[in-house]
Amino acid sequence: MPGNNSCQKCHSLKAACDEAFYTYPKSCSHAVWHVIRKYVHDQPYLTANNLLQVVERSPRWQEVQIHELAQLANDGVLVIGGAAESTHGHVIVVYPGQPKNHGGYSYLDREGRSKVLPSYGIFPLAMSTSIGSWPGAKSKGDRTIADPWSREKFKHVRFYKYVGTPYGSPDGAEN
């Protein structure tokens, strides 16, 4: 029954994300790598910028659009997102669940005043960890894919779904 298989895959993805969130709370690259290794056992560890370069060129990964993300994650498809930067980029995993409003959490502005980040839309959920202090960059499905980045930087984030052969498949091999 396709629904049960999809539900099982969704729960497996969520469990992998939750485990990564707690295992690597201060390293987005390690957390995303942890989840990827549940699907691609031979995936070497790569920093965010390097991982994005590899994923962009790999036949194992296919770029997808934002409007596809929630359904893919809810079907248990591994989708990562990220943006490379001159020093350190940032990567996330799309987390299963109902999309929600971006923002709505407190942060301190440059003068140290407490503010609430206003929403600019509804987005799929994210698993994200970070060494930084930005509250939107840490999420176990309670923040969205847009929260780790400023609105301007989010325009450069790209998303990729894993299309390689999953372990446990009938052919038993990785592509």
N, C-alpha and C. Protein backbone atom coordinates (compact mmCIF):
# COMPACT_ATOMS: atom_id res chain seq x y z
N MET A 1 0.85 -1.18 0.00
CA MET A 1 0.00 0.00 0.00
C MET A 1 0.89 1.24 0.00
N PRO A 2 0.81 2.11 -1.03
CA PRO A 2 1.70 3.26 -1.15
C PRO A 2 1.62 4.22 0.03
N GLY A 3 0.45 4.44 0.59
CA GLY A 3 0.32 5.38 1.70
C GLY A 3 1.12 4.95 2.91
N ASN A 4 1.09 3.65 3.23
CA ASN A 4 1.84 3.15 4.38
C ASN A 4 3.34 3.28 4.17
N ASN A 5 3.81 2.95 2.95
CA ASN A 5 5.23 3.07 2.65
C ASN A 5 5.68 4.52 2.76
N SER A 6 4.86 5.44 2.24
CA SER A 6 5.16 6.87 2.31
C SER A 6 5.20 7.33 3.77
N CYS A 7 4.25 6.86 4.56
CA CYS A 7 4.19 7.22 5.97
C CYS A 7 5.43 6.71 6.71
N GLN A 8 5.82 5.47 6.42
CA GLN A 8 7.01 4.88 7.04
C GLN A 8 8.26 5.68 6.66
N LYS A 9 8.37 6.04 5.38
CA LYS A 9 9.53 6.83 4.93
C LYS A 9 9.54 8.20 5.60
N CYS A 10 8.36 8.80 5.75
CA CYS A 10 8.24 10.10 6.41
C CYS A 10 8.73 10.01 7.85
N HIS A 11 8.30 8.96 8.57
CA HIS A 11 8.73 8.78 9.95
C HIS A 11 10.23 8.53 10.03
N SER A 12 10.78 7.80 9.07
CA SER A 12 12.22 7.54 9.05
C SER A 12 13.00 8.83 8.82
N LEU A 13 12.52 9.67 7.90
CA LEU A 13 13.17 10.96 7.64
C LEU A 13 13.11 11.83 8.88
N LYS A 14 11.96 11.90 9.50
CA LYS A 14 11.81 12.71 10.71
C LYS A 14 12.74 12.21 11.82
N ALA A 15 12.81 10.90 12.01
CA ALA A 15 13.68 10.33 13.04
C ALA A 15 15.15 10.66 12.75
N ALA A 16 15.55 10.57 11.49
CA ALA A 16 16.94 10.90 11.12
C ALA A 16 17.22 12.37 11.39
N CYS A 17 16.28 13.24 11.08
CA CYS A 17 16.45 14.68 11.34
C CYS A 17 16.54 14.95 12.83
N ASP A 18 15.67 14.33 13.61
CA ASP A 18 15.68 14.55 15.06
C ASP A 18 17.00 14.09 15.67
N GLU A 19 17.46 12.93 15.23
CA GLU A 19 18.73 12.40 15.72
C GLU A 19 19.89 13.34 15.37
N ALA A 20 19.90 13.84 14.14
CA ALA A 20 20.96 14.76 13.70
C ALA A 20 20.92 16.06 14.48
N PHE A 21 19.72 16.56 14.75
CA PHE A 21 19.55 17.81 15.49
C PHE A 21 20.20 17.72 16.86
N TYR A 22 19.99 16.59 17.55
CA TYR A 22 20.56 16.42 18.89
C TYR A 22 22.03 16.01 18.86
N THR A 23 22.45 15.29 17.83
CA THR A 23 23.83 14.81 17.75
C THR A 23 24.79 15.93 17.34
N TYR A 24 24.35 16.80 16.44
CA TYR A 24 25.21 17.88 15.93
C TYR A 24 24.51 19.24 16.06
N PRO A 25 24.26 19.70 17.27
CA PRO A 25 23.50 20.95 17.45
C PRO A 25 24.21 22.21 16.99
N LYS A 26 25.53 22.14 16.77
CA LYS A 26 26.29 23.34 16.41
C LYS A 26 26.98 23.24 15.05
N SER A 27 26.57 22.26 14.23
CA SER A 27 27.21 22.12 12.92
C SER A 27 26.18 21.69 11.88
N CYS A 28 25.79 22.63 11.05
CA CYS A 28 24.81 22.31 10.02
C CYS A 28 25.34 21.25 9.06
N SER A 29 26.60 21.35 8.71
CA SER A 29 27.20 20.39 7.77
C SER A 29 27.17 18.97 8.33
N HIS A 30 27.54 18.84 9.60
CA HIS A 30 27.52 17.51 10.22
C HIS A 30 26.10 16.98 10.36
N ALA A 31 25.17 17.85 10.74
CA ALA A 31 23.77 17.41 10.91
C ALA A 31 23.19 16.94 9.58
N VAL A 32 23.40 17.70 8.52
CA VAL A 32 22.88 17.31 7.21
C VAL A 32 23.58 16.04 6.73
N TRP A 33 24.88 15.96 6.93
CA TRP A 33 25.62 14.75 6.57
C TRP A 33 25.06 13.53 7.29
N HIS A 34 24.75 13.70 8.57
CA HIS A 34 24.18 12.61 9.36
C HIS A 34 22.89 12.08 8.71
N VAL A 35 22.04 12.98 8.28
CA VAL A 35 20.78 12.56 7.63
C VAL A 35 21.06 11.93 6.28
N ILE A 36 21.93 12.54 5.49
CA ILE A 36 22.25 11.99 4.17
C ILE A 36 22.77 10.56 4.30
N ARG A 37 23.59 10.30 5.30
CA ARG A 37 24.16 8.95 5.45
C ARG A 37 23.10 7.88 5.74
N LYS A 38 21.93 8.26 6.14
CA LYS A 38 20.83 7.30 6.31
C LYS A 38 20.34 6.82 4.94
N TYR A 39 20.61 7.61 3.90
CA TYR A 39 20.19 7.31 2.53
C TYR A 39 21.37 6.91 1.64
N VAL A 40 22.51 7.53 1.89
CA VAL A 40 23.71 7.34 1.08
C VAL A 40 24.85 6.98 2.04
N HIS A 41 25.01 5.70 2.31
CA HIS A 41 25.96 5.26 3.33
C HIS A 41 27.41 5.63 3.03
N ASP A 42 27.75 5.80 1.76
CA ASP A 42 29.13 6.13 1.41
C ASP A 42 29.37 7.64 1.26
N GLN A 43 28.42 8.46 1.68
CA GLN A 43 28.56 9.91 1.56
C GLN A 43 29.67 10.41 2.48
N PRO A 44 30.75 10.97 1.93
CA PRO A 44 31.79 11.51 2.81
C PRO A 44 31.31 12.82 3.44
N TYR A 45 31.90 13.15 4.58
CA TYR A 45 31.59 14.43 5.20
C TYR A 45 32.14 15.56 4.35
N LEU A 46 31.32 16.57 4.12
CA LEU A 46 31.73 17.77 3.39
C LEU A 46 31.16 18.99 4.11
N THR A 47 31.91 20.07 4.11
CA THR A 47 31.37 21.31 4.66
C THR A 47 30.25 21.80 3.74
N ALA A 48 29.46 22.73 4.24
CA ALA A 48 28.27 23.19 3.50
C ALA A 48 28.60 23.61 2.07
N ASN A 49 29.58 24.48 1.89
CA ASN A 49 29.90 24.95 0.53
C ASN A 49 30.31 23.79 -0.38
N ASN A 50 31.15 22.89 0.14
CA ASN A 50 31.60 21.75 -0.67
C ASN A 50 30.46 20.78 -0.96
N LEU A 51 29.60 20.54 0.03
CA LEU A 51 28.46 19.66 -0.18
C LEU A 51 27.56 20.20 -1.28
N LEU A 52 27.30 21.48 -1.26
CA LEU A 52 26.44 22.08 -2.28
C LEU A 52 27.06 21.96 -3.67
N GLN A 53 28.37 22.12 -3.78
CA GLN A 53 29.05 21.96 -5.07
C GLN A 53 28.88 20.53 -5.59
N VAL A 54 29.06 19.55 -4.72
CA VAL A 54 28.95 18.15 -5.12
C VAL A 54 27.52 17.81 -5.52
N VAL A 55 26.57 18.24 -4.71
CA VAL A 55 25.15 17.95 -4.97
C VAL A 55 24.70 18.56 -6.30
N GLU A 56 25.13 19.77 -6.59
CA GLU A 56 24.74 20.44 -7.84
C GLU A 56 25.17 19.65 -9.08
N ARG A 57 26.26 18.91 -8.99
CA ARG A 57 26.80 18.18 -10.15
C ARG A 57 26.46 16.68 -10.15
N SER A 58 25.94 16.18 -9.06
CA SER A 58 25.74 14.74 -8.91
C SER A 58 24.45 14.25 -9.56
N PRO A 59 24.51 13.10 -10.26
CA PRO A 59 23.28 12.52 -10.81
C PRO A 59 22.39 11.93 -9.71
N ARG A 60 22.92 11.83 -8.48
CA ARG A 60 22.13 11.33 -7.34
C ARG A 60 21.14 12.37 -6.82
N TRP A 61 21.33 13.62 -7.21
CA TRP A 61 20.53 14.72 -6.69
C TRP A 61 19.89 15.51 -7.83
N GLN A 62 18.69 16.02 -7.59
CA GLN A 62 17.97 16.79 -8.61
C GLN A 62 17.41 18.05 -7.94
N GLU A 63 17.64 19.19 -8.57
CA GLU A 63 17.12 20.44 -8.01
C GLU A 63 15.59 20.43 -8.07
N VAL A 64 14.96 20.94 -7.02
CA VAL A 64 13.50 21.02 -6.94
C VAL A 64 13.10 22.42 -6.51
N GLN A 65 11.87 22.75 -6.76
CA GLN A 65 11.34 24.07 -6.47
C GLN A 65 10.66 24.09 -5.10
N ILE A 66 10.56 25.26 -4.52
CA ILE A 66 9.99 25.42 -3.18
C ILE A 66 8.59 24.83 -3.08
N HIS A 67 7.76 25.00 -4.10
CA HIS A 67 6.38 24.51 -4.00
C HIS A 67 6.29 22.98 -3.92
N GLU A 68 7.38 22.26 -4.19
CA GLU A 68 7.41 20.80 -4.13
C GLU A 68 7.89 20.27 -2.77
N LEU A 69 8.52 21.10 -1.98
CA LEU A 69 9.27 20.64 -0.81
C LEU A 69 8.43 19.95 0.26
N ALA A 70 7.32 20.54 0.66
CA ALA A 70 6.52 19.95 1.75
C ALA A 70 6.03 18.57 1.36
N GLN A 71 5.51 18.42 0.16
CA GLN A 71 5.00 17.11 -0.26
C GLN A 71 6.12 16.08 -0.33
N LEU A 72 7.27 16.48 -0.86
CA LEU A 72 8.40 15.55 -0.94
C LEU A 72 8.80 15.08 0.46
N ALA A 73 8.96 16.00 1.40
CA ALA A 73 9.35 15.62 2.77
C ALA A 73 8.28 14.75 3.41
N ASN A 74 7.02 15.09 3.20
CA ASN A 74 5.94 14.30 3.77
C ASN A 74 5.84 12.91 3.14
N ASP A 75 6.40 12.75 1.96
CA ASP A 75 6.49 11.44 1.32
C ASP A 75 7.76 10.70 1.73
N GLY A 76 8.58 11.33 2.57
CA GLY A 76 9.80 10.70 3.05
C GLY A 76 10.98 10.85 2.12
N VAL A 77 10.89 11.77 1.15
CA VAL A 77 12.00 12.01 0.23
C VAL A 77 12.99 12.95 0.90
N LEU A 78 14.26 12.59 0.86
CA LEU A 78 15.30 13.45 1.42
C LEU A 78 15.50 14.65 0.52
N VAL A 79 15.33 15.84 1.09
CA VAL A 79 15.56 17.10 0.38
C VAL A 79 16.45 17.96 1.26
N ILE A 80 17.56 18.41 0.68
CA ILE A 80 18.42 19.33 1.40
C ILE A 80 18.36 20.69 0.70
N GLY A 81 18.65 21.72 1.46
CA GLY A 81 18.69 23.06 0.90
C GLY A 81 19.91 23.77 1.43
N GLY A 82 20.35 24.76 0.68
CA GLY A 82 21.49 25.49 1.17
C GLY A 82 21.89 26.63 0.28
N ALA A 83 22.77 27.43 0.83
CA ALA A 83 23.35 28.55 0.11
C ALA A 83 24.82 28.62 0.46
N ALA A 84 25.65 28.66 -0.56
CA ALA A 84 27.10 28.82 -0.36
C ALA A 84 27.39 30.29 -0.11
N GLU A 85 28.39 30.52 0.72
CA GLU A 85 28.83 31.89 0.99
C GLU A 85 30.34 31.91 0.91
N SER A 86 30.92 33.11 0.93
CA SER A 86 32.36 33.23 0.74
C SER A 86 33.16 32.51 1.83
N THR A 87 32.68 32.52 3.05
CA THR A 87 33.40 31.80 4.11
C THR A 87 32.71 30.46 4.38
N HIS A 88 31.62 30.50 5.08
CA HIS A 88 30.89 29.27 5.42
C HIS A 88 29.45 29.40 4.96
N GLY A 89 29.00 28.43 4.17
CA GLY A 89 27.60 28.40 3.76
C GLY A 89 26.75 27.78 4.85
N HIS A 90 25.51 27.53 4.52
CA HIS A 90 24.59 26.90 5.46
C HIS A 90 23.73 25.91 4.71
N VAL A 91 23.50 24.75 5.32
CA VAL A 91 22.66 23.71 4.73
C VAL A 91 21.64 23.24 5.76
N ILE A 92 20.49 22.77 5.24
CA ILE A 92 19.39 22.29 6.06
C ILE A 92 18.79 21.04 5.40
N VAL A 93 17.91 20.38 6.13
CA VAL A 93 17.10 19.30 5.57
C VAL A 93 15.65 19.75 5.67
N VAL A 94 14.86 19.52 4.63
CA VAL A 94 13.43 19.82 4.69
C VAL A 94 12.79 18.76 5.58
N TYR A 95 12.06 19.23 6.59
CA TYR A 95 11.49 18.39 7.64
C TYR A 95 10.02 18.10 7.32
N PRO A 96 9.57 16.87 7.53
CA PRO A 96 8.16 16.55 7.27
C PRO A 96 7.23 17.34 8.19
N GLY A 97 6.05 17.64 7.69
CA GLY A 97 5.04 18.33 8.49
C GLY A 97 4.31 19.38 7.68
N GLN A 98 3.37 20.02 8.32
CA GLN A 98 2.54 21.04 7.70
C GLN A 98 3.31 22.35 7.60
N PRO A 99 3.38 22.96 6.41
CA PRO A 99 4.05 24.27 6.30
C PRO A 99 3.43 25.28 7.28
N LYS A 100 4.22 26.27 7.64
CA LYS A 100 3.75 27.28 8.59
C LYS A 100 4.34 28.64 8.25
N ASN A 101 3.88 29.65 8.98
CA ASN A 101 4.40 30.99 8.78
C ASN A 101 5.86 31.08 9.21
N HIS A 102 6.64 31.73 8.38
CA HIS A 102 8.03 32.06 8.68
C HIS A 102 8.02 33.07 9.81
N GLY A 103 9.09 33.12 10.57
CA GLY A 103 9.24 34.14 11.62
C GLY A 103 8.38 33.86 12.84
N GLY A 104 8.05 34.95 13.54
CA GLY A 104 7.22 34.85 14.72
C GLY A 104 7.99 34.59 16.00
N TYR A 105 9.32 34.56 15.93
CA TYR A 105 10.14 34.31 17.11
C TYR A 105 10.91 35.57 17.48
N SER A 106 11.35 35.60 18.73
CA SER A 106 12.07 36.77 19.25
C SER A 106 13.55 36.70 18.89
N TYR A 107 14.12 37.86 18.71
CA TYR A 107 15.55 38.00 18.46
C TYR A 107 15.99 39.37 18.98
N LEU A 108 17.28 39.54 19.12
CA LEU A 108 17.82 40.83 19.55
C LEU A 108 18.36 41.57 18.33
N ASP A 109 17.95 42.84 18.19
CA ASP A 109 18.48 43.63 17.08
C ASP A 109 19.89 44.11 17.42
N ARG A 110 20.48 44.88 16.52
CA ARG A 110 21.88 45.31 16.71
C ARG A 110 22.08 46.19 17.93
N GLU A 111 21.02 46.83 18.39
CA GLU A 111 21.12 47.65 19.59
C GLU A 111 20.78 46.86 20.85
N GLY A 112 20.52 45.55 20.71
CA GLY A 112 20.21 44.71 21.86
C GLY A 112 18.76 44.73 22.29
N ARG A 113 17.89 45.31 21.45
CA ARG A 113 16.46 45.35 21.78
C ARG A 113 15.79 44.06 21.30
N SER A 114 14.86 43.58 22.10
CA SER A 114 14.11 42.38 21.73
C SER A 114 13.04 42.73 20.69
N LYS A 115 13.04 41.95 19.63
CA LYS A 115 12.07 42.16 18.54
C LYS A 115 11.47 40.80 18.19
N VAL A 116 10.35 40.83 17.47
CA VAL A 116 9.75 39.61 16.94
C VAL A 116 9.86 39.68 15.42
N LEU A 117 10.43 38.63 14.85
CA LEU A 117 10.62 38.61 13.40
C LEU A 117 9.26 38.46 12.71
N PRO A 118 8.89 39.43 11.85
CA PRO A 118 7.61 39.32 11.14
C PRO A 118 7.68 38.26 10.04
N SER A 119 6.55 37.70 9.73
CA SER A 119 6.47 36.67 8.69
C SER A 119 6.34 37.32 7.32
N TYR A 120 6.92 36.68 6.32
CA TYR A 120 6.70 37.11 4.94
C TYR A 120 6.18 35.95 4.09
N GLY A 121 5.63 34.94 4.74
CA GLY A 121 5.03 33.86 3.98
C GLY A 121 4.99 32.55 4.72
N ILE A 122 4.34 31.58 4.09
CA ILE A 122 4.22 30.23 4.63
C ILE A 122 5.22 29.34 3.89
N PHE A 123 5.99 28.57 4.66
CA PHE A 123 7.05 27.75 4.09
C PHE A 123 7.05 26.36 4.74
N PRO A 124 7.66 25.38 4.06
CA PRO A 124 7.85 24.06 4.67
C PRO A 124 8.78 24.15 5.87
N LEU A 125 8.76 23.11 6.67
CA LEU A 125 9.56 23.06 7.90
C LEU A 125 11.00 22.67 7.60
N ALA A 126 11.89 22.91 8.57
CA ALA A 126 13.32 22.62 8.39
C ALA A 126 13.91 21.95 9.61
N MET A 127 14.95 21.16 9.35
CA MET A 127 15.88 20.71 10.40
C MET A 127 17.15 21.49 10.10
N SER A 128 17.58 22.26 11.10
CA SER A 128 18.73 23.12 10.91
C SER A 128 19.46 23.27 12.23
N THR A 129 20.78 23.19 12.17
CA THR A 129 21.60 23.46 13.35
C THR A 129 22.65 24.49 12.97
N SER A 130 23.23 25.12 13.98
CA SER A 130 24.20 26.17 13.68
C SER A 130 25.01 26.52 14.92
N ILE A 131 26.25 26.91 14.69
CA ILE A 131 27.09 27.42 15.77
C ILE A 131 26.72 28.87 16.08
N GLY A 132 26.07 29.53 15.15
CA GLY A 132 25.70 30.93 15.32
C GLY A 132 24.56 31.12 16.31
N SER A 133 24.28 32.37 16.60
CA SER A 133 23.27 32.69 17.61
C SER A 133 21.90 33.05 17.02
N TRP A 134 21.79 33.11 15.71
CA TRP A 134 20.50 33.48 15.11
C TRP A 134 19.46 32.41 15.44
N PRO A 135 18.37 32.76 16.13
CA PRO A 135 17.41 31.75 16.57
C PRO A 135 16.72 31.02 15.42
N GLY A 136 16.64 31.61 14.26
CA GLY A 136 16.00 30.96 13.11
C GLY A 136 16.85 29.86 12.49
N ALA A 137 18.13 29.80 12.85
CA ALA A 137 19.04 28.82 12.26
C ALA A 137 19.05 27.50 13.03
N LYS A 138 18.24 27.41 14.08
CA LYS A 138 18.15 26.18 14.87
C LYS A 138 16.71 25.71 14.84
N SER A 139 16.51 24.53 14.26
CA SER A 139 15.14 24.05 14.11
C SER A 139 15.08 22.53 14.07
N LYS A 140 14.17 21.98 14.84
CA LYS A 140 13.84 20.56 14.78
C LYS A 140 12.40 20.48 14.29
N GLY A 141 12.15 21.13 13.16
CA GLY A 141 10.81 21.14 12.59
C GLY A 141 9.92 22.23 13.16
N ASP A 142 10.46 23.09 14.02
CA ASP A 142 9.65 24.16 14.59
C ASP A 142 9.85 25.49 13.88
N ARG A 143 10.81 25.55 12.98
CA ARG A 143 11.03 26.73 12.14
C ARG A 143 10.93 26.29 10.68
N THR A 144 10.94 27.26 9.80
CA THR A 144 10.76 26.96 8.38
C THR A 144 12.08 27.00 7.63
N ILE A 145 12.01 26.61 6.37
CA ILE A 145 13.19 26.63 5.50
C ILE A 145 13.69 28.05 5.26
N ALA A 146 12.86 29.05 5.48
CA ALA A 146 13.26 30.45 5.25
C ALA A 146 13.90 31.07 6.49
N ASP A 147 13.66 30.50 7.66
CA ASP A 147 14.12 31.12 8.90
C ASP A 147 15.63 31.21 9.10
N PRO A 148 16.45 30.29 8.58
CA PRO A 148 17.89 30.41 8.82
C PRO A 148 18.57 31.57 8.11
N TRP A 149 17.92 32.14 7.12
CA TRP A 149 18.55 33.17 6.30
C TRP A 149 17.74 34.47 6.34
N SER A 150 18.42 35.57 6.03
CA SER A 150 17.70 36.82 5.83
C SER A 150 16.86 36.67 4.56
N ARG A 151 15.90 37.52 4.40
CA ARG A 151 15.04 37.45 3.22
C ARG A 151 15.86 37.56 1.93
N GLU A 152 16.85 38.44 1.94
CA GLU A 152 17.70 38.62 0.76
C GLU A 152 18.55 37.38 0.48
N LYS A 153 19.15 36.80 1.51
CA LYS A 153 19.97 35.60 1.32
C LYS A 153 19.14 34.39 0.93
N PHE A 154 17.90 34.33 1.41
CA PHE A 154 17.04 33.19 1.10
C PHE A 154 16.76 33.08 -0.41
N LYS A 155 16.84 34.20 -1.11
CA LYS A 155 16.65 34.18 -2.56
C LYS A 155 17.70 33.32 -3.27
N HIS A 156 18.83 33.07 -2.61
CA HIS A 156 19.93 32.30 -3.21
C HIS A 156 19.96 30.84 -2.76
N VAL A 157 19.04 30.46 -1.89
CA VAL A 157 18.99 29.08 -1.40
C VAL A 157 18.42 28.18 -2.49
N ARG A 158 19.05 27.04 -2.69
CA ARG A 158 18.60 26.04 -3.66
C ARG A 158 18.31 24.74 -2.93
N PHE A 159 17.38 23.97 -3.47
CA PHE A 159 16.95 22.73 -2.85
C PHE A 159 17.14 21.56 -3.80
N TYR A 160 17.57 20.42 -3.24
CA TYR A 160 17.87 19.23 -4.03
C TYR A 160 17.28 18.00 -3.36
N LYS A 161 16.60 17.18 -4.14
CA LYS A 161 16.08 15.92 -3.61
C LYS A 161 17.02 14.79 -4.01
N TYR A 162 17.11 13.81 -3.14
CA TYR A 162 17.94 12.64 -3.42
C TYR A 162 17.15 11.71 -4.35
N VAL A 163 17.75 11.39 -5.48
CA VAL A 163 17.10 10.51 -6.46
C VAL A 163 17.89 9.24 -6.70
N GLY A 164 18.96 9.03 -5.95
CA GLY A 164 19.75 7.81 -6.08
C GLY A 164 18.98 6.63 -5.53
N THR A 165 19.53 5.45 -5.67
CA THR A 165 18.90 4.24 -5.20
C THR A 165 19.04 4.14 -3.69
N PRO A 166 17.93 4.05 -2.96
CA PRO A 166 18.04 3.92 -1.50
C PRO A 166 18.50 2.53 -1.10
N TYR A 167 19.19 2.46 0.03
CA TYR A 167 19.59 1.16 0.54
C TYR A 167 18.34 0.37 0.88
N GLY A 168 18.42 -0.91 0.68
CA GLY A 168 17.28 -1.78 0.92
C GLY A 168 16.40 -1.88 -0.32
N SER A 169 16.82 -1.26 -1.43
CA SER A 169 16.03 -1.36 -2.66
C SER A 169 16.29 -2.71 -3.31
N PRO A 170 15.42 -3.12 -4.22
CA PRO A 170 15.56 -4.44 -4.84
C PRO A 170 16.92 -4.71 -5.48
N ASP A 171 17.55 -3.69 -6.08
CA ASP A 171 18.85 -3.95 -6.73
C ASP A 171 20.00 -3.96 -5.72
N GLY A 172 19.72 -3.43 -4.51
CA GLY A 172 20.70 -3.50 -3.42
C GLY A 172 21.98 -2.71 -3.65
N ALA A 173 22.02 -1.84 -4.63
CA ALA A 173 23.25 -1.10 -4.91
C ALA A 173 22.97 0.39 -4.92
N GLU A 174 24.00 1.14 -4.66
CA GLU A 174 23.95 2.59 -4.76
C GLU A 174 24.32 3.01 -6.16
N ASN A 175 23.71 4.04 -6.64
CA ASN A 175 24.11 4.60 -7.94
C ASN A 175 25.27 5.53 -7.77
